[in-house]
Amino acid sequence: MQFLISMHINPAVLDALTDEEKAAIGTGHGAFIEDLKASGELITTQALVDPSQAAVVSVRDGQPVVTDGPYLEAKEYLGGFYLVDCENRERAIELAARIPDAAIDGLGVEVRQVMFADGLLDA
């Protein structure tokens, strides 16, 4: 079963961390990635740039309309994700709990099963 484990970032929370705490998050992600590779559960992981660099695309009257920058006013934004292939939801939650962000009050880690991939309905 595939699961998307997404990390939701609150810039105010990150700004309040010490340099050592920020470094520990990076080190923790590095170790987590190596563990996922060793277990064969990692499909991919990506970190995303700040939402100020985002573009929101919609189509109106058959023409694309692009809005630069963050679309929603929110405290949190999607900062990155892990796509994993593991036995079940319980294992995905177990993995998510190992992500350093999960231990920091004000940051969020969400687990959602992939409903379909490559056109194949899984859920």
N, C-alpha and C. Protein backbone atom coordinates (compact mmCIF):
# COMPACT_ATOMS: atom_id res chain seq x y z
N MET A 1 0.83 -1.17 0.00
CA MET A 1 0.00 0.00 0.00
C MET A 1 0.88 1.25 0.00
N GLN A 2 0.47 2.23 -0.76
CA GLN A 2 1.23 3.47 -0.81
C GLN A 2 0.57 4.54 0.05
N PHE A 3 1.42 5.32 0.72
CA PHE A 3 0.95 6.41 1.57
C PHE A 3 1.79 7.65 1.31
N LEU A 4 1.11 8.80 1.32
CA LEU A 4 1.78 10.08 1.26
C LEU A 4 1.87 10.61 2.68
N ILE A 5 3.07 10.86 3.13
CA ILE A 5 3.29 11.46 4.44
C ILE A 5 3.74 12.89 4.16
N SER A 6 2.86 13.84 4.46
CA SER A 6 3.16 15.23 4.14
C SER A 6 3.52 16.00 5.40
N MET A 7 4.43 16.95 5.22
CA MET A 7 4.90 17.77 6.32
C MET A 7 4.40 19.19 6.12
N HIS A 8 3.70 19.71 7.12
CA HIS A 8 3.13 21.04 7.04
C HIS A 8 3.95 21.97 7.93
N ILE A 9 4.44 23.03 7.32
CA ILE A 9 5.40 23.93 7.95
C ILE A 9 4.71 25.20 8.41
N ASN A 10 5.07 25.67 9.59
CA ASN A 10 4.65 26.97 10.09
C ASN A 10 5.93 27.79 10.24
N PRO A 11 6.13 28.80 9.39
CA PRO A 11 7.39 29.57 9.43
C PRO A 11 7.68 30.18 10.79
N ALA A 12 6.66 30.63 11.50
CA ALA A 12 6.88 31.22 12.82
C ALA A 12 7.47 30.20 13.79
N VAL A 13 7.02 28.97 13.70
CA VAL A 13 7.55 27.91 14.56
C VAL A 13 9.01 27.64 14.21
N LEU A 14 9.30 27.53 12.92
CA LEU A 14 10.69 27.27 12.51
C LEU A 14 11.61 28.42 12.90
N ASP A 15 11.14 29.65 12.74
CA ASP A 15 11.97 30.82 13.08
C ASP A 15 12.31 30.85 14.57
N ALA A 16 11.45 30.28 15.40
CA ALA A 16 11.67 30.29 16.85
C ALA A 16 12.67 29.21 17.30
N LEU A 17 13.02 28.29 16.41
CA LEU A 17 13.96 27.22 16.78
C LEU A 17 15.39 27.75 16.79
N THR A 18 16.21 27.13 17.62
CA THR A 18 17.64 27.47 17.63
C THR A 18 18.30 26.84 16.41
N ASP A 19 19.51 27.29 16.11
CA ASP A 19 20.26 26.70 15.00
C ASP A 19 20.50 25.21 15.24
N GLU A 20 20.74 24.84 16.50
CA GLU A 20 20.97 23.44 16.82
C GLU A 20 19.71 22.61 16.58
N GLU A 21 18.55 23.15 16.94
CA GLU A 21 17.29 22.45 16.72
C GLU A 21 17.01 22.29 15.23
N LYS A 22 17.29 23.32 14.46
CA LYS A 22 17.10 23.24 13.01
C LYS A 22 18.04 22.20 12.40
N ALA A 23 19.28 22.18 12.88
CA ALA A 23 20.25 21.19 12.39
C ALA A 23 19.79 19.78 12.74
N ALA A 24 19.22 19.61 13.92
CA ALA A 24 18.75 18.29 14.35
C ALA A 24 17.61 17.81 13.45
N ILE A 25 16.77 18.72 13.00
CA ILE A 25 15.71 18.33 12.07
C ILE A 25 16.32 17.80 10.78
N GLY A 26 17.28 18.52 10.23
CA GLY A 26 17.93 18.07 9.00
C GLY A 26 18.63 16.73 9.16
N THR A 27 19.34 16.57 10.26
CA THR A 27 20.02 15.31 10.55
C THR A 27 19.01 14.18 10.71
N GLY A 28 17.90 14.49 11.40
CA GLY A 28 16.86 13.48 11.60
C GLY A 28 16.23 13.03 10.29
N HIS A 29 15.99 13.97 9.39
CA HIS A 29 15.44 13.59 8.08
C HIS A 29 16.44 12.74 7.31
N GLY A 30 17.72 13.08 7.39
CA GLY A 30 18.74 12.29 6.70
C GLY A 30 18.75 10.85 7.18
N ALA A 31 18.71 10.66 8.49
CA ALA A 31 18.68 9.30 9.05
C ALA A 31 17.39 8.57 8.69
N PHE A 32 16.27 9.30 8.71
CA PHE A 32 14.98 8.70 8.35
C PHE A 32 15.00 8.22 6.90
N ILE A 33 15.54 9.04 6.01
CA ILE A 33 15.63 8.66 4.59
C ILE A 33 16.47 7.41 4.42
N GLU A 34 17.60 7.35 5.09
CA GLU A 34 18.47 6.17 4.99
C GLU A 34 17.76 4.92 5.51
N ASP A 35 17.01 5.05 6.60
CA ASP A 35 16.27 3.91 7.14
C ASP A 35 15.20 3.44 6.15
N LEU A 36 14.49 4.40 5.53
CA LEU A 36 13.45 4.04 4.56
C LEU A 36 14.06 3.35 3.33
N LYS A 37 15.21 3.84 2.90
CA LYS A 37 15.89 3.19 1.77
C LYS A 37 16.29 1.76 2.14
N ALA A 38 16.84 1.59 3.33
CA ALA A 38 17.28 0.27 3.77
C ALA A 38 16.11 -0.71 3.89
N SER A 39 14.95 -0.20 4.32
CA SER A 39 13.79 -1.09 4.47
C SER A 39 13.07 -1.32 3.14
N GLY A 40 13.41 -0.54 2.12
CA GLY A 40 12.76 -0.67 0.82
C GLY A 40 11.40 0.01 0.76
N GLU A 41 11.07 0.83 1.76
CA GLU A 41 9.74 1.45 1.80
C GLU A 41 9.69 2.82 1.12
N LEU A 42 10.83 3.43 0.86
CA LEU A 42 10.84 4.76 0.26
C LEU A 42 10.63 4.68 -1.25
N ILE A 43 9.62 5.41 -1.73
CA ILE A 43 9.42 5.56 -3.17
C ILE A 43 10.11 6.84 -3.60
N THR A 44 9.80 7.94 -2.95
CA THR A 44 10.46 9.21 -3.21
C THR A 44 10.19 10.18 -2.07
N THR A 45 10.98 11.22 -1.99
CA THR A 45 10.76 12.31 -1.04
C THR A 45 11.18 13.60 -1.72
N GLN A 46 10.46 14.66 -1.41
CA GLN A 46 10.76 15.97 -1.99
C GLN A 46 10.49 17.05 -0.96
N ALA A 47 11.32 18.08 -0.96
CA ALA A 47 11.07 19.28 -0.18
C ALA A 47 10.65 20.36 -1.16
N LEU A 48 9.74 21.22 -0.73
CA LEU A 48 9.19 22.25 -1.60
C LEU A 48 9.69 23.63 -1.19
N VAL A 49 9.83 24.52 -2.17
CA VAL A 49 10.25 25.89 -1.86
C VAL A 49 9.13 26.62 -1.14
N ASP A 50 9.47 27.75 -0.58
CA ASP A 50 8.52 28.60 0.12
C ASP A 50 7.36 28.98 -0.80
N PRO A 51 6.14 29.07 -0.27
CA PRO A 51 4.98 29.35 -1.11
C PRO A 51 5.03 30.72 -1.81
N SER A 52 5.92 31.60 -1.37
CA SER A 52 6.03 32.89 -2.06
C SER A 52 6.51 32.72 -3.50
N GLN A 53 7.07 31.56 -3.81
CA GLN A 53 7.54 31.27 -5.16
C GLN A 53 6.54 30.43 -5.95
N ALA A 54 5.36 30.22 -5.38
CA ALA A 54 4.34 29.40 -6.03
C ALA A 54 3.63 30.16 -7.14
N ALA A 55 3.03 29.42 -8.04
CA ALA A 55 2.13 29.97 -9.05
C ALA A 55 0.85 29.14 -9.00
N VAL A 56 -0.28 29.81 -8.93
CA VAL A 56 -1.57 29.14 -8.93
C VAL A 56 -2.16 29.30 -10.32
N VAL A 57 -2.53 28.19 -10.93
CA VAL A 57 -3.03 28.19 -12.30
C VAL A 57 -4.50 27.78 -12.31
N SER A 58 -5.30 28.59 -12.96
CA SER A 58 -6.70 28.25 -13.20
C SER A 58 -7.01 28.58 -14.65
N VAL A 59 -8.09 28.03 -15.16
CA VAL A 59 -8.46 28.29 -16.55
C VAL A 59 -9.81 29.00 -16.55
N ARG A 60 -9.85 30.15 -17.21
CA ARG A 60 -11.08 30.94 -17.35
C ARG A 60 -11.28 31.25 -18.82
N ASP A 61 -12.45 30.92 -19.30
CA ASP A 61 -12.78 31.13 -20.72
C ASP A 61 -11.74 30.48 -21.64
N GLY A 62 -11.27 29.30 -21.23
CA GLY A 62 -10.32 28.55 -22.04
C GLY A 62 -8.89 29.04 -21.99
N GLN A 63 -8.61 30.04 -21.17
CA GLN A 63 -7.26 30.61 -21.09
C GLN A 63 -6.70 30.44 -19.68
N PRO A 64 -5.42 30.09 -19.58
CA PRO A 64 -4.82 29.96 -18.25
C PRO A 64 -4.67 31.34 -17.59
N VAL A 65 -4.99 31.38 -16.31
CA VAL A 65 -4.80 32.57 -15.50
C VAL A 65 -3.84 32.17 -14.39
N VAL A 66 -2.73 32.90 -14.28
CA VAL A 66 -1.69 32.56 -13.31
C VAL A 66 -1.61 33.65 -12.25
N THR A 67 -1.64 33.22 -11.00
CA THR A 67 -1.47 34.14 -9.87
C THR A 67 -0.18 33.75 -9.18
N ASP A 68 0.72 34.71 -9.03
CA ASP A 68 1.99 34.44 -8.36
C ASP A 68 1.84 34.50 -6.86
N GLY A 69 2.74 33.79 -6.19
CA GLY A 69 2.79 33.83 -4.74
C GLY A 69 1.76 32.94 -4.09
N PRO A 70 1.74 32.94 -2.77
CA PRO A 70 0.82 32.05 -2.06
C PRO A 70 -0.62 32.43 -2.35
N TYR A 71 -1.43 31.43 -2.58
CA TYR A 71 -2.83 31.64 -2.91
C TYR A 71 -3.68 31.83 -1.67
N LEU A 72 -3.41 31.05 -0.66
CA LEU A 72 -4.20 31.08 0.55
C LEU A 72 -3.45 31.79 1.66
N GLU A 73 -4.18 32.55 2.45
CA GLU A 73 -3.60 33.14 3.64
C GLU A 73 -3.68 32.08 4.74
N ALA A 74 -2.57 31.54 5.11
CA ALA A 74 -2.56 30.48 6.11
C ALA A 74 -1.25 30.54 6.89
N LYS A 75 -1.29 30.05 8.10
CA LYS A 75 -0.08 29.99 8.91
C LYS A 75 0.83 28.87 8.45
N GLU A 76 0.24 27.81 7.92
CA GLU A 76 1.01 26.63 7.54
C GLU A 76 0.98 26.43 6.04
N TYR A 77 1.99 25.77 5.52
CA TYR A 77 2.02 25.40 4.11
C TYR A 77 2.69 24.04 3.97
N LEU A 78 2.43 23.40 2.84
CA LEU A 78 3.05 22.11 2.55
C LEU A 78 4.53 22.33 2.28
N GLY A 79 5.36 21.73 3.11
CA GLY A 79 6.80 21.92 3.00
C GLY A 79 7.52 20.80 2.29
N GLY A 80 6.90 19.63 2.24
CA GLY A 80 7.53 18.49 1.59
C GLY A 80 6.75 17.23 1.89
N PHE A 81 7.25 16.13 1.35
CA PHE A 81 6.52 14.89 1.54
C PHE A 81 7.44 13.69 1.36
N TYR A 82 6.97 12.57 1.87
CA TYR A 82 7.55 11.26 1.62
C TYR A 82 6.45 10.42 0.99
N LEU A 83 6.76 9.73 -0.08
CA LEU A 83 5.85 8.75 -0.65
C LEU A 83 6.45 7.38 -0.32
N VAL A 84 5.68 6.60 0.45
CA VAL A 84 6.21 5.33 0.93
C VAL A 84 5.29 4.18 0.49
N ASP A 85 5.87 3.02 0.42
CA ASP A 85 5.13 1.80 0.13
C ASP A 85 5.36 0.87 1.31
N CYS A 86 4.32 0.68 2.11
CA CYS A 86 4.47 -0.14 3.31
C CYS A 86 3.26 -1.04 3.48
N GLU A 87 3.32 -1.88 4.47
CA GLU A 87 2.34 -2.95 4.65
C GLU A 87 0.91 -2.45 4.90
N ASN A 88 0.78 -1.41 5.74
CA ASN A 88 -0.57 -0.97 6.11
C ASN A 88 -0.53 0.43 6.70
N ARG A 89 -1.71 0.94 7.04
CA ARG A 89 -1.84 2.29 7.59
C ARG A 89 -1.09 2.42 8.92
N GLU A 90 -1.14 1.40 9.73
CA GLU A 90 -0.46 1.44 11.02
C GLU A 90 1.05 1.63 10.84
N ARG A 91 1.62 0.95 9.84
CA ARG A 91 3.06 1.11 9.58
C ARG A 91 3.34 2.52 9.06
N ALA A 92 2.48 3.07 8.22
CA ALA A 92 2.66 4.43 7.72
C ALA A 92 2.64 5.43 8.87
N ILE A 93 1.75 5.23 9.82
CA ILE A 93 1.68 6.11 10.99
C ILE A 93 2.94 5.95 11.84
N GLU A 94 3.40 4.72 11.98
CA GLU A 94 4.64 4.47 12.72
C GLU A 94 5.80 5.22 12.07
N LEU A 95 5.88 5.17 10.74
CA LEU A 95 6.93 5.89 10.03
C LEU A 95 6.79 7.39 10.23
N ALA A 96 5.57 7.91 10.10
CA ALA A 96 5.34 9.35 10.24
C ALA A 96 5.77 9.86 11.61
N ALA A 97 5.57 9.04 12.63
CA ALA A 97 5.94 9.44 13.98
C ALA A 97 7.45 9.58 14.15
N ARG A 98 8.22 9.00 13.24
CA ARG A 98 9.68 9.09 13.29
C ARG A 98 10.23 10.34 12.61
N ILE A 99 9.39 11.07 11.90
CA ILE A 99 9.83 12.29 11.22
C ILE A 99 10.05 13.36 12.29
N PRO A 100 11.20 14.03 12.27
CA PRO A 100 11.53 15.00 13.32
C PRO A 100 10.46 16.08 13.51
N ASP A 101 9.82 16.50 12.46
CA ASP A 101 8.80 17.55 12.53
C ASP A 101 7.65 17.16 13.46
N ALA A 102 7.35 15.86 13.55
CA ALA A 102 6.23 15.39 14.36
C ALA A 102 6.43 15.69 15.85
N ALA A 103 7.66 15.86 16.27
CA ALA A 103 7.95 16.11 17.68
C ALA A 103 7.96 17.59 18.03
N ILE A 104 7.70 18.46 17.05
CA ILE A 104 7.75 19.90 17.29
C ILE A 104 6.34 20.46 17.29
N ASP A 105 5.95 21.04 18.42
CA ASP A 105 4.63 21.63 18.55
C ASP A 105 4.47 22.75 17.53
N GLY A 106 3.40 22.69 16.76
CA GLY A 106 3.14 23.71 15.75
C GLY A 106 3.46 23.28 14.33
N LEU A 107 4.14 22.13 14.18
CA LEU A 107 4.38 21.56 12.86
C LEU A 107 3.48 20.34 12.71
N GLY A 108 3.08 20.03 11.49
CA GLY A 108 2.17 18.91 11.31
C GLY A 108 2.70 17.87 10.34
N VAL A 109 2.37 16.63 10.61
CA VAL A 109 2.70 15.52 9.72
C VAL A 109 1.40 14.77 9.47
N GLU A 110 1.04 14.62 8.21
CA GLU A 110 -0.22 13.99 7.84
C GLU A 110 0.05 12.72 7.04
N VAL A 111 -0.74 11.69 7.28
CA VAL A 111 -0.64 10.42 6.55
C VAL A 111 -1.93 10.21 5.77
N ARG A 112 -1.78 10.00 4.47
CA ARG A 112 -2.95 9.71 3.64
C ARG A 112 -2.59 8.59 2.66
N GLN A 113 -3.49 7.62 2.55
CA GLN A 113 -3.27 6.54 1.60
C GLN A 113 -3.45 7.06 0.18
N VAL A 114 -2.62 6.58 -0.73
CA VAL A 114 -2.74 6.92 -2.14
C VAL A 114 -3.94 6.14 -2.68
N MET A 115 -4.87 6.86 -3.30
CA MET A 115 -6.07 6.22 -3.82
C MET A 115 -5.80 5.54 -5.16
N PHE A 116 -5.03 6.19 -6.02
CA PHE A 116 -4.65 5.53 -7.26
C PHE A 116 -3.31 6.09 -7.73
N ALA A 117 -2.62 5.27 -8.48
CA ALA A 117 -1.35 5.64 -9.09
C ALA A 117 -1.30 5.01 -10.46
N ASP A 118 -0.82 5.74 -11.42
CA ASP A 118 -0.72 5.23 -12.79
C ASP A 118 -2.08 4.72 -13.29
N GLY A 119 -3.17 5.35 -12.83
CA GLY A 119 -4.49 4.98 -13.30
C GLY A 119 -5.11 3.77 -12.64
N LEU A 120 -4.42 3.18 -11.67
CA LEU A 120 -4.94 1.98 -11.00
C LEU A 120 -5.52 2.38 -9.65
N LEU A 121 -6.80 2.10 -9.44
CA LEU A 121 -7.47 2.41 -8.19
C LEU A 121 -7.04 1.42 -7.11
N ASP A 122 -6.44 1.92 -6.01
CA ASP A 122 -5.94 1.07 -4.94
C ASP A 122 -6.81 1.06 -3.71
N ALA A 123 -7.50 2.16 -3.44
CA ALA A 123 -8.25 2.28 -2.17
C ALA A 123 -9.69 1.85 -2.35
